[in-house]
Protein backbone atom coordinates (compact mmCIF):
# COMPACT_ATOMS: atom_id res chain seq x y z
CA MET A 1 105.70 87.55 116.78
CA THR A 2 102.15 87.12 117.93
CA PRO A 3 101.26 89.59 120.91
CA ASP A 4 100.09 88.37 124.02
CA VAL A 5 96.65 89.30 124.86
CA ARG A 6 96.29 89.65 128.48
CA ARG A 7 93.88 91.94 130.93
CA ALA A 8 95.17 95.63 131.40
CA THR A 9 96.37 96.94 134.57
CA PRO A 10 97.04 100.54 135.84
CA ASP A 11 100.59 99.90 135.55
CA ASP A 12 99.72 99.61 131.43
CA LEU A 13 98.46 103.29 131.24
CA SER A 14 101.97 104.52 129.88
CA GLY A 15 101.74 101.50 127.23
CA VAL A 16 97.82 102.27 126.15
CA LEU A 17 98.28 105.91 125.90
CA GLY A 18 100.81 105.85 123.40
CA VAL A 19 98.58 103.53 121.15
CA PHE A 20 95.76 105.87 121.70
CA LEU A 21 97.46 108.88 121.25
CA ALA A 22 99.28 107.22 118.27
CA CYS A 23 96.12 106.46 116.81
CA TRP A 24 94.62 109.75 117.48
CA ARG A 25 97.58 111.87 115.61
CA GLU A 26 98.64 109.49 113.24
CA SER A 27 95.73 106.92 112.17
CA TYR A 28 92.79 109.68 111.99
CA ARG A 29 94.80 112.26 110.65
CA GLY A 30 93.13 113.06 107.43
CA ILE A 31 90.01 111.16 108.67
CA LEU A 32 89.04 113.56 111.45
CA PRO A 33 89.58 117.30 111.43
CA ASP A 34 92.92 118.57 112.71
CA ALA A 35 90.83 120.36 115.31
CA ALA A 36 89.34 117.18 116.80
CA ILE A 37 92.90 115.63 116.82
CA GLU A 38 94.52 118.54 118.52
CA ALA A 39 91.49 118.65 120.85
CA MET A 40 93.17 115.19 122.26
CA THR A 41 95.62 116.59 124.45
CA ASP A 42 98.10 114.40 126.73
CA GLU A 43 96.61 115.37 129.67
CA ARG A 44 92.84 114.56 128.58
CA ALA A 45 94.09 111.27 127.11
CA GLU A 46 95.43 110.31 130.46
CA ALA A 47 92.36 111.46 132.39
CA LEU A 48 90.23 109.39 130.14
CA TRP A 49 92.27 105.82 130.53
CA ARG A 50 92.91 106.44 134.11
CA ARG A 51 89.31 106.81 134.49
CA VAL A 52 88.66 103.59 132.32
CA LEU A 53 91.13 101.66 133.88
CA ALA A 54 89.91 101.93 137.25
CA ASP A 55 86.46 101.39 136.19
CA PRO A 56 85.13 98.23 137.86
CA VAL A 57 82.63 97.99 135.15
CA GLY A 58 83.91 96.24 131.81
CA GLU A 59 87.07 94.73 131.12
CA VAL A 60 90.32 96.19 129.34
CA ILE A 61 92.46 94.15 127.56
CA VAL A 62 95.91 94.75 125.82
CA ALA A 63 98.06 93.05 123.31
CA ASP A 64 101.63 93.04 124.43
CA ARG A 65 104.83 92.52 122.10
CA ASP A 66 108.09 91.65 123.65
CA GLY A 67 107.07 93.94 126.79
CA GLU A 68 105.28 96.54 124.61
CA ILE A 69 102.06 97.49 124.79
CA VAL A 70 100.58 97.46 120.67
CA GLY A 71 96.47 97.47 121.03
CA VAL A 72 94.22 97.85 123.63
CA THR A 73 90.53 97.04 123.46
CA ARG A 74 87.69 97.75 126.24
CA TYR A 75 84.16 96.08 126.11
CA ALA A 76 81.58 94.93 128.69
CA THR A 77 78.03 93.34 129.07
CA THR A 78 75.04 94.87 130.15
CA ALA A 79 71.82 93.14 130.36
CA GLY A 80 72.67 90.31 127.85
CA GLU A 81 74.05 92.92 125.18
CA GLY A 82 77.64 93.14 124.50
CA ALA A 83 79.44 96.28 123.61
CA VAL A 84 83.34 97.09 122.25
CA HIS A 85 83.79 100.38 123.68
CA SER A 86 87.10 100.90 122.47
CA LEU A 87 89.59 98.86 120.11
CA TYR A 88 93.04 100.95 119.29
CA VAL A 89 96.29 99.35 117.51
CA SER A 90 99.35 101.50 117.15
CA PRO A 91 100.02 102.71 113.47
CA ARG A 92 103.20 100.48 113.74
CA ALA A 93 101.42 97.25 114.20
CA HIS A 94 98.55 97.50 111.44
CA GLY A 95 98.07 94.77 109.30
CA GLY A 96 99.78 92.26 111.82
CA GLY A 97 96.78 90.56 113.32
CA VAL A 98 96.41 92.81 116.54
CA GLY A 99 92.96 93.80 116.08
CA THR A 100 91.58 90.72 114.73
CA GLY A 101 92.93 89.33 118.01
CA LEU A 102 91.89 91.83 120.24
CA LEU A 103 88.52 91.96 118.63
CA SER A 104 88.39 88.06 118.54
CA SER A 105 89.04 87.91 122.54
CA ALA A 106 86.44 90.66 123.68
CA ALA A 107 83.65 88.53 121.09
CA ASP A 108 85.13 85.63 123.02
CA ALA A 109 84.53 87.05 126.59
CA LEU A 110 81.22 88.86 125.37
CA ARG A 111 79.60 85.37 124.41
CA ALA A 112 80.84 83.63 127.37
CA ALA A 113 79.10 86.17 129.48
CA GLY A 114 75.92 85.35 127.78
CA ALA A 115 75.69 88.05 125.23
CA ASP A 116 73.97 87.11 121.95
CA ALA A 117 75.22 90.01 120.10
CA ALA A 118 77.49 93.10 120.40
CA THR A 119 77.44 96.81 119.35
CA LEU A 120 80.44 99.13 118.98
CA TRP A 121 80.73 102.60 117.81
CA VAL A 122 83.29 104.00 115.19
CA PHE A 123 83.70 107.20 113.52
CA ALA A 124 81.39 107.69 110.40
CA ALA A 125 84.36 109.24 108.35
CA ASN A 126 86.80 106.18 109.37
CA ALA A 127 86.34 103.98 106.21
CA PRO A 128 89.37 101.60 107.12
CA SER A 129 88.07 100.98 110.42
CA ILE A 130 84.45 100.27 109.33
CA ALA A 131 86.16 97.94 106.45
CA PHE A 132 87.81 96.12 109.28
CA TYR A 133 85.09 95.60 110.83
CA GLU A 134 82.39 94.90 107.94
CA SER A 135 85.19 92.11 107.38
CA ARG A 136 84.86 90.57 110.62
CA GLY A 137 81.32 90.35 110.29
CA TRP A 138 80.26 93.90 112.06
CA HIS A 139 77.40 95.18 109.93
CA SER A 140 75.98 98.83 110.13
CA ASP A 141 72.65 98.87 112.14
CA GLY A 142 71.69 102.24 111.05
CA ALA A 143 72.39 104.49 114.50
CA THR A 144 74.05 107.38 114.58
CA ARG A 145 75.40 109.73 117.33
CA THR A 146 78.16 112.96 117.74
CA GLN A 147 79.22 113.03 121.32
CA PRO A 148 80.05 116.01 122.49
CA GLU A 149 83.41 115.47 123.61
CA PHE A 150 84.67 114.18 120.32
CA GLY A 151 82.27 116.43 118.04
CA GLU A 152 82.45 113.72 115.24
CA PRO A 153 79.88 111.95 113.81
CA GLU A 154 79.60 108.19 114.63
CA GLN A 155 78.21 104.90 113.45
CA ARG A 156 77.00 102.13 115.02
CA MET A 157 78.02 98.58 114.16
CA ARG A 158 76.36 95.10 115.46
CA ARG A 159 77.56 91.40 115.19
CA GLU A 160 75.23 88.84 116.57
CA TRP A 161 76.32 85.31 117.22
CA ALA A 162 74.25 82.30 116.34
């Protein structure tokens, strides 16, 4: 069954946390060092997503399948440039089109808001996610960063719309 994609509400916090923490603890295992995975505690994740869900800048949407959140993405447009700030899909839902649906919804919204292009950041060691984005028209633009809160190198990917 295809999940419904809808705007997130503060009531979705528990479901969003479930997806986010499953990604950190399962999907990132073997990609990120154990210390980075263990540093994402329940409390840290909850504080992060409470802040994100309350932030009036940007949009958070979820993929909801029969009342269960199976994916979440956050995006925004600033000065005509789009950004996908996060995309997480429950490991139990990988390969089912959830990520594609969320990314497409975010891209459609960014284009509708006037963005000619969008960027996103992905952990440089996350080859499966990089391949996912590349297969959907995104490409590395050469920019890199390491955020102190995560401590792992990231690469920026970009997609332009004609």
